[in-house]
Amino acid sequence: MLFQQVLEFIYGNIFLNIVIAIAIVWFCIWAYKKSVASRKYYRCPQCGESFRTEHMESKSCKVCGAQLEETTDKNVNDSAK
């Protein structure tokens, strides 16, 4: 009953709907920017493969197992063959 009253209040109040919509959009933009900022780019000095990780650290190459070097080059080939 209380939940229904709260929902009716939210649906009936246009200002509150606008505030909620702005909050949702702001949260989505913030989460996207945080995700992009956490990306790291790596290149293998032995085989030349390049990798991108998100929210984690990579220590070794997926292809040959050599230790990776972090790079600022964002042109990566994520498909290890």
N, C-alpha and C. Protein backbone atom coordinates (compact mmCIF):
# COMPACT_ATOMS: atom_id res chain seq x y z
N MET A 1 0.82 -1.19 0.00
CA MET A 1 0.00 0.00 0.00
C MET A 1 0.87 1.26 0.00
N LEU A 2 1.90 1.28 0.85
CA LEU A 2 2.79 2.43 0.91
C LEU A 2 3.59 2.54 -0.39
N PHE A 3 4.03 1.40 -0.90
CA PHE A 3 4.78 1.37 -2.15
C PHE A 3 3.93 1.92 -3.31
N GLN A 4 2.68 1.57 -3.33
CA GLN A 4 1.77 2.06 -4.37
C GLN A 4 1.59 3.57 -4.25
N GLN A 5 1.48 4.09 -3.04
CA GLN A 5 1.34 5.52 -2.84
C GLN A 5 2.59 6.26 -3.28
N VAL A 6 3.75 5.69 -3.00
CA VAL A 6 5.01 6.32 -3.42
C VAL A 6 5.09 6.36 -4.95
N LEU A 7 4.74 5.26 -5.61
CA LEU A 7 4.77 5.24 -7.07
C LEU A 7 3.78 6.24 -7.67
N GLU A 8 2.60 6.34 -7.10
CA GLU A 8 1.61 7.31 -7.58
C GLU A 8 2.13 8.74 -7.41
N PHE A 9 2.82 9.00 -6.31
CA PHE A 9 3.39 10.33 -6.07
C PHE A 9 4.46 10.64 -7.11
N ILE A 10 5.33 9.66 -7.39
CA ILE A 10 6.40 9.86 -8.37
C ILE A 10 5.81 10.09 -9.76
N TYR A 11 4.84 9.27 -10.16
CA TYR A 11 4.24 9.42 -11.49
C TYR A 11 3.43 10.70 -11.61
N GLY A 12 2.89 11.18 -10.53
CA GLY A 12 2.07 12.39 -10.58
C GLY A 12 2.87 13.68 -10.51
N ASN A 13 4.13 13.61 -10.14
CA ASN A 13 4.95 14.80 -9.96
C ASN A 13 5.95 14.90 -11.12
N ILE A 14 5.73 15.80 -12.06
CA ILE A 14 6.57 15.93 -13.25
C ILE A 14 7.98 16.39 -12.87
N PHE A 15 8.10 17.28 -11.90
CA PHE A 15 9.41 17.77 -11.48
C PHE A 15 10.27 16.63 -10.95
N LEU A 16 9.68 15.75 -10.16
CA LEU A 16 10.41 14.61 -9.61
C LEU A 16 10.83 13.66 -10.73
N ASN A 17 9.99 13.50 -11.75
CA ASN A 17 10.35 12.67 -12.89
C ASN A 17 11.57 13.23 -13.63
N ILE A 18 11.61 14.53 -13.78
CA ILE A 18 12.74 15.17 -14.45
C ILE A 18 14.01 14.99 -13.64
N VAL A 19 13.92 15.17 -12.33
CA VAL A 19 15.09 15.01 -11.45
C VAL A 19 15.60 13.56 -11.51
N ILE A 20 14.71 12.61 -11.49
CA ILE A 20 15.11 11.20 -11.56
C ILE A 20 15.76 10.89 -12.91
N ALA A 21 15.20 11.42 -13.99
CA ALA A 21 15.78 11.20 -15.32
C ALA A 21 17.18 11.80 -15.42
N ILE A 22 17.36 13.00 -14.89
CA ILE A 22 18.68 13.63 -14.90
C ILE A 22 19.67 12.82 -14.07
N ALA A 23 19.24 12.32 -12.94
CA ALA A 23 20.12 11.51 -12.09
C ALA A 23 20.55 10.22 -12.80
N ILE A 24 19.63 9.59 -13.51
CA ILE A 24 19.95 8.35 -14.24
C ILE A 24 20.94 8.63 -15.36
N VAL A 25 20.72 9.70 -16.12
CA VAL A 25 21.63 10.07 -17.21
C VAL A 25 23.01 10.40 -16.65
N TRP A 26 23.06 11.17 -15.57
CA TRP A 26 24.34 11.52 -14.96
C TRP A 26 25.08 10.27 -14.50
N PHE A 27 24.39 9.32 -13.88
CA PHE A 27 25.03 8.09 -13.41
C PHE A 27 25.59 7.29 -14.58
N CYS A 28 24.85 7.20 -15.67
CA CYS A 28 25.32 6.45 -16.84
C CYS A 28 26.57 7.09 -17.44
N ILE A 29 26.59 8.41 -17.54
CA ILE A 29 27.76 9.11 -18.07
C ILE A 29 28.95 8.91 -17.14
N TRP A 30 28.76 9.01 -15.85
CA TRP A 30 29.83 8.81 -14.87
C TRP A 30 30.40 7.40 -14.96
N ALA A 31 29.53 6.39 -15.05
CA ALA A 31 30.00 5.00 -15.14
C ALA A 31 30.78 4.77 -16.42
N TYR A 32 30.33 5.35 -17.53
CA TYR A 32 31.04 5.19 -18.80
C TYR A 32 32.42 5.83 -18.74
N LYS A 33 32.51 7.04 -18.21
CA LYS A 33 33.81 7.72 -18.10
C LYS A 33 34.76 6.96 -17.19
N LYS A 34 34.25 6.40 -16.12
CA LYS A 34 35.08 5.61 -15.20
C LYS A 34 35.59 4.36 -15.91
N SER A 35 34.76 3.74 -16.70
CA SER A 35 35.14 2.54 -17.44
C SER A 35 36.22 2.86 -18.48
N VAL A 36 36.05 3.95 -19.21
CA VAL A 36 37.04 4.33 -20.21
C VAL A 36 38.37 4.68 -19.54
N ALA A 37 38.32 5.34 -18.41
CA ALA A 37 39.55 5.73 -17.72
C ALA A 37 40.31 4.52 -17.18
N SER A 38 39.64 3.40 -16.95
CA SER A 38 40.31 2.23 -16.39
C SER A 38 40.97 1.35 -17.45
N ARG A 39 40.77 1.67 -18.73
CA ARG A 39 41.36 0.86 -19.80
C ARG A 39 42.87 1.03 -19.82
N LYS A 40 43.56 -0.10 -20.00
CA LYS A 40 45.01 -0.10 -20.13
C LYS A 40 45.36 -0.82 -21.42
N TYR A 41 46.39 -0.34 -22.09
CA TYR A 41 46.81 -0.91 -23.36
C TYR A 41 48.20 -1.50 -23.20
N TYR A 42 48.37 -2.71 -23.72
CA TYR A 42 49.64 -3.42 -23.60
C TYR A 42 50.11 -3.89 -24.97
N ARG A 43 51.44 -4.02 -25.13
CA ARG A 43 52.03 -4.59 -26.34
C ARG A 43 53.10 -5.59 -25.91
N CYS A 44 53.13 -6.72 -26.61
CA CYS A 44 54.12 -7.76 -26.34
C CYS A 44 55.41 -7.43 -27.10
N PRO A 45 56.54 -7.35 -26.40
CA PRO A 45 57.79 -7.03 -27.09
C PRO A 45 58.31 -8.20 -27.95
N GLN A 46 57.87 -9.42 -27.65
CA GLN A 46 58.35 -10.57 -28.40
C GLN A 46 57.59 -10.82 -29.69
N CYS A 47 56.27 -10.94 -29.61
CA CYS A 47 55.48 -11.31 -30.79
C CYS A 47 54.77 -10.12 -31.42
N GLY A 48 54.73 -8.98 -30.76
CA GLY A 48 54.12 -7.79 -31.33
C GLY A 48 52.62 -7.68 -31.16
N GLU A 49 51.98 -8.64 -30.52
CA GLU A 49 50.53 -8.57 -30.29
C GLU A 49 50.22 -7.42 -29.35
N SER A 50 49.04 -6.82 -29.53
CA SER A 50 48.61 -5.73 -28.65
C SER A 50 47.29 -6.13 -28.00
N PHE A 51 47.11 -5.68 -26.76
CA PHE A 51 45.95 -6.07 -25.96
C PHE A 51 45.39 -4.87 -25.24
N ARG A 52 44.11 -4.94 -24.91
CA ARG A 52 43.44 -3.92 -24.11
C ARG A 52 42.76 -4.62 -22.94
N THR A 53 42.91 -4.09 -21.75
CA THR A 53 42.21 -4.63 -20.59
C THR A 53 41.39 -3.52 -19.95
N GLU A 54 40.38 -3.92 -19.22
CA GLU A 54 39.52 -2.97 -18.54
C GLU A 54 39.30 -3.46 -17.13
N HIS A 55 39.58 -2.62 -16.15
CA HIS A 55 39.41 -2.93 -14.73
C HIS A 55 40.34 -4.04 -14.24
N MET A 56 41.49 -4.26 -14.90
CA MET A 56 42.42 -5.28 -14.43
C MET A 56 43.80 -5.03 -15.00
N GLU A 57 44.78 -5.77 -14.50
CA GLU A 57 46.16 -5.67 -14.95
C GLU A 57 46.52 -6.94 -15.72
N SER A 58 47.28 -6.80 -16.78
CA SER A 58 47.78 -7.95 -17.52
C SER A 58 49.27 -8.08 -17.28
N LYS A 59 49.72 -9.28 -17.05
CA LYS A 59 51.13 -9.51 -16.77
C LYS A 59 51.84 -10.20 -17.93
N SER A 60 51.13 -11.12 -18.61
CA SER A 60 51.80 -11.87 -19.67
C SER A 60 50.95 -11.90 -20.94
N CYS A 61 51.62 -12.13 -22.05
CA CYS A 61 50.99 -12.16 -23.37
C CYS A 61 50.09 -13.39 -23.49
N LYS A 62 48.94 -13.21 -24.14
CA LYS A 62 48.02 -14.33 -24.35
C LYS A 62 48.55 -15.30 -25.40
N VAL A 63 49.43 -14.83 -26.28
CA VAL A 63 49.90 -15.64 -27.39
C VAL A 63 51.18 -16.40 -27.04
N CYS A 64 52.21 -15.67 -26.59
CA CYS A 64 53.50 -16.32 -26.37
C CYS A 64 53.91 -16.42 -24.90
N GLY A 65 53.26 -15.71 -24.01
CA GLY A 65 53.56 -15.81 -22.58
C GLY A 65 54.62 -14.85 -22.09
N ALA A 66 55.14 -13.99 -22.94
CA ALA A 66 56.17 -13.03 -22.53
C ALA A 66 55.54 -11.92 -21.69
N GLN A 67 56.40 -11.24 -20.93
CA GLN A 67 55.92 -10.14 -20.09
C GLN A 67 55.54 -8.96 -20.97
N LEU A 68 54.39 -8.33 -20.68
CA LEU A 68 53.86 -7.24 -21.50
C LEU A 68 54.41 -5.89 -21.06
N GLU A 69 54.43 -4.96 -22.01
CA GLU A 69 54.80 -3.58 -21.73
C GLU A 69 53.55 -2.72 -21.91
N GLU A 70 53.29 -1.84 -20.93
CA GLU A 70 52.13 -0.95 -21.06
C GLU A 70 52.46 0.14 -22.06
N THR A 71 51.49 0.49 -22.91
CA THR A 71 51.70 1.49 -23.95
C THR A 71 50.54 2.47 -23.96
N THR A 72 50.76 3.60 -24.61
CA THR A 72 49.69 4.59 -24.75
C THR A 72 49.04 4.49 -26.12
N ASP A 73 49.54 3.63 -26.99
CA ASP A 73 48.97 3.43 -28.32
C ASP A 73 47.63 2.73 -28.19
N LYS A 74 46.56 3.38 -28.64
CA LYS A 74 45.21 2.83 -28.48
C LYS A 74 44.78 2.00 -29.68
N ASN A 75 45.64 1.82 -30.66
CA ASN A 75 45.36 1.00 -31.83
C ASN A 75 45.75 -0.44 -31.51
N VAL A 76 44.80 -1.22 -31.02
CA VAL A 76 45.09 -2.58 -30.57
C VAL A 76 44.32 -3.60 -31.37
N ASN A 77 44.88 -4.80 -31.41
CA ASN A 77 44.22 -5.95 -32.04
C ASN A 77 43.88 -6.91 -30.91
N ASP A 78 42.62 -6.94 -30.50
CA ASP A 78 42.22 -7.76 -29.35
C ASP A 78 42.01 -9.22 -29.67
N SER A 79 42.12 -9.61 -30.91
CA SER A 79 41.86 -11.01 -31.26
C SER A 79 43.17 -11.78 -31.31
N ALA A 80 43.46 -12.53 -30.26
CA ALA A 80 44.66 -13.35 -30.21
C ALA A 80 44.39 -14.63 -30.99
N LYS A 81 45.27 -14.98 -31.92
CA LYS A 81 45.08 -16.15 -32.77
C LYS A 81 46.06 -17.24 -32.43
